[in-house]
């Protein structure tokens, strides 16, 4: 493990904290709507609560992923140098940036069978499904499902 985990020196334009705050607020609101839905008969509540909960879930997932990627970008740029990172590694996926930091900066092994790796991959897969949404045709024959 590295002696100093974060390099010395001032950095600016770091938005990871703000993104994290937005994600946590959205998570809080999503759980409030989830409780309302759970406490009421599913058929008795309006679609409003479900719609609001889903908006907050999307916001929480997207901003959680943004927070993590923002931190990874800043950390790697601080350790490798801004020019080196942004010209060579900026286009990597967040999971790849995590692996880059672990292996080449912290000299640590990423254990892909651990929960942290599974959660990181799952978060970014879910984020991608929201950010790169693929619409589908709608079945007008009355076969729509809640899913």
Protein backbone atom coordinates (compact mmCIF):
# COMPACT_ATOMS: atom_id res chain seq x y z
CA UNK A 1 0.00 0.00 0.00
CA UNK A 2 1.21 3.52 -0.74
CA UNK A 3 2.69 5.54 2.09
CA UNK A 4 0.76 8.65 1.19
CA UNK A 5 -2.62 7.86 -0.24
CA UNK A 6 -3.46 11.32 -1.60
CA UNK A 7 -0.72 13.46 -3.14
CA UNK A 8 0.06 16.89 -1.76
CA UNK A 9 -1.05 20.00 -3.59
CA UNK A 10 -4.19 21.97 -4.15
CA UNK A 11 -6.80 20.83 -6.67
CA UNK A 12 -9.80 22.71 -8.00
CA UNK A 13 -13.02 21.96 -9.88
CA UNK A 14 -13.65 18.79 -7.87
CA UNK A 15 -17.38 18.05 -7.94
CA UNK A 16 -17.39 14.62 -6.30
CA UNK A 17 -18.65 15.98 -2.98
CA UNK A 18 -21.50 17.92 -4.55
CA UNK A 19 -22.53 14.92 -6.67
CA UNK A 20 -22.44 12.73 -3.57
CA UNK A 21 -24.66 15.16 -1.67
CA UNK A 22 -27.20 15.21 -4.52
CA UNK A 23 -27.17 11.39 -4.65
CA UNK A 24 -27.74 11.08 -0.90
CA UNK A 25 -30.61 13.58 -0.92
CA UNK A 26 -32.24 11.72 -3.83
CA UNK A 27 -31.80 8.39 -2.03
CA UNK A 28 -33.47 9.86 1.06
CA UNK A 29 -36.47 11.02 -1.00
CA UNK A 30 -36.69 7.70 -2.87
CA UNK A 31 -36.84 5.80 0.44
CA UNK A 32 -39.61 8.12 1.67
CA UNK A 33 -41.73 7.34 -1.38
CA UNK A 34 -40.87 3.65 -1.07
CA UNK A 35 -42.22 3.65 2.51
CA UNK A 36 -45.43 5.37 1.38
CA UNK A 37 -45.90 2.72 -1.29
CA UNK A 38 -45.17 -0.15 1.13
CA UNK A 39 -47.49 1.19 3.81
CA UNK A 40 -50.44 1.49 1.42
CA UNK A 41 -52.28 -1.10 -0.56
CA UNK A 42 -50.52 -1.15 -3.93
CA UNK A 43 -53.81 -0.56 -5.78
CA UNK A 44 -54.79 2.27 -3.44
CA UNK A 45 -51.95 4.72 -4.14
CA UNK A 46 -51.73 6.85 -7.23
CA UNK A 47 -49.02 6.47 -9.83
CA UNK A 48 -47.61 9.75 -8.54
CA UNK A 49 -45.70 8.11 -5.66
CA UNK A 50 -44.25 5.44 -7.92
CA UNK A 51 -43.25 8.02 -10.51
CA UNK A 52 -41.60 10.25 -7.90
CA UNK A 53 -39.78 7.31 -6.33
CA UNK A 54 -38.44 6.26 -9.74
CA UNK A 55 -37.23 9.81 -10.50
CA UNK A 56 -35.32 9.89 -7.23
CA UNK A 57 -33.88 6.42 -7.82
CA UNK A 58 -32.54 7.46 -11.22
CA UNK A 59 -31.12 10.66 -9.76
CA UNK A 60 -29.49 8.77 -6.90
CA UNK A 61 -27.91 6.16 -9.17
CA UNK A 62 -26.66 8.65 -11.76
CA UNK A 63 -25.22 11.06 -9.22
CA UNK A 64 -23.65 8.25 -7.17
CA UNK A 65 -21.84 7.08 -10.28
CA UNK A 66 -20.86 10.66 -11.15
CA UNK A 67 -19.48 11.14 -7.65
CA UNK A 68 -17.35 8.01 -7.82
CA UNK A 69 -16.06 8.75 -11.31
CA UNK A 70 -15.32 12.36 -10.39
CA UNK A 71 -13.27 11.19 -7.42
CA UNK A 72 -11.45 8.56 -9.49
CA UNK A 73 -10.63 11.15 -12.17
CA UNK A 74 -9.31 13.63 -9.63
CA UNK A 75 -7.32 11.06 -7.71
CA UNK A 76 -5.69 9.56 -10.81
CA UNK A 77 -4.95 13.02 -12.26
CA UNK A 78 -3.44 14.15 -8.95
CA UNK A 79 -1.23 11.06 -8.77
CA UNK A 80 -0.24 10.73 -12.44
CA UNK A 81 -0.35 14.40 -13.36
CA UNK A 82 -3.21 16.15 -15.10
CA UNK A 83 -1.68 16.04 -18.57
CA UNK A 84 -0.71 12.37 -18.33
CA UNK A 85 -4.10 11.28 -17.02
CA UNK A 86 -6.35 13.38 -19.26
CA UNK A 87 -4.42 12.61 -22.45
CA UNK A 88 -4.08 8.85 -21.85
CA UNK A 89 -6.63 7.52 -19.36
CA UNK A 90 -9.61 9.88 -19.25
CA UNK A 91 -11.66 7.81 -21.73
CA UNK A 92 -11.43 4.60 -19.69
CA UNK A 93 -14.57 3.32 -17.99
CA UNK A 94 -14.91 4.14 -14.31
CA UNK A 95 -14.28 0.49 -13.42
CA UNK A 96 -11.10 0.53 -15.51
CA UNK A 97 -9.99 3.75 -13.80
CA UNK A 98 -10.57 2.04 -10.46
CA UNK A 99 -8.39 -0.86 -11.59
CA UNK A 100 -5.72 1.52 -12.91
CA UNK A 101 -5.55 3.31 -9.57
CA UNK A 102 -5.48 0.10 -7.56
CA UNK A 103 -2.79 -1.63 -9.62
CA UNK A 104 -0.46 1.17 -10.73
CA UNK A 105 -0.86 3.85 -8.06
CA UNK A 106 -1.72 1.95 -4.89
CA UNK A 107 0.09 -1.24 -5.95
CA UNK A 108 -2.89 -3.26 -4.81
CA UNK A 109 -4.84 -6.08 -6.40
CA UNK A 110 -8.49 -5.67 -7.37
CA UNK A 111 -10.30 -8.78 -6.25
CA UNK A 112 -13.11 -9.22 -8.75
CA UNK A 113 -14.92 -11.76 -6.58
CA UNK A 114 -15.41 -9.25 -3.74
CA UNK A 115 -18.64 -7.36 -3.05
CA UNK A 116 -17.07 -3.91 -3.59
CA UNK A 117 -16.19 -4.84 -7.17
CA UNK A 118 -19.64 -6.31 -7.81
CA UNK A 119 -21.34 -3.17 -6.44
CA UNK A 120 -19.11 -0.87 -8.49
CA UNK A 121 -19.82 -2.78 -11.70
CA UNK A 122 -23.55 -2.97 -10.91
CA UNK A 123 -23.76 0.77 -10.19
CA UNK A 124 -22.17 1.68 -13.51
CA UNK A 125 -24.23 -0.87 -15.44
CA UNK A 126 -27.38 0.63 -13.95
CA UNK A 127 -26.14 4.17 -14.61
CA UNK A 128 -25.45 3.25 -18.22
CA UNK A 129 -28.95 1.84 -18.59
CA UNK A 130 -30.37 5.21 -17.48
CA UNK A 131 -27.92 7.48 -19.31
CA UNK A 132 -27.93 5.44 -22.54
CA UNK A 133 -31.63 4.61 -22.40
CA UNK A 134 -32.96 2.46 -25.24
CA UNK A 135 -36.63 2.94 -26.01
CA UNK A 136 -38.76 0.12 -27.35
CA UNK A 137 -42.03 0.00 -29.23
CA UNK A 138 -45.17 -0.09 -27.14
CA UNK A 139 -47.64 -2.98 -27.40
CA UNK A 140 -50.98 -1.30 -28.01
CA UNK A 141 -52.79 -4.60 -27.69
CA UNK A 142 -53.29 -4.07 -23.96
CA UNK A 143 -50.39 -6.26 -22.90
CA UNK A 144 -48.42 -3.61 -21.05
CA UNK A 145 -46.87 -4.69 -17.75
CA UNK A 146 -45.86 -2.81 -14.62
CA UNK A 147 -42.22 -3.67 -15.39
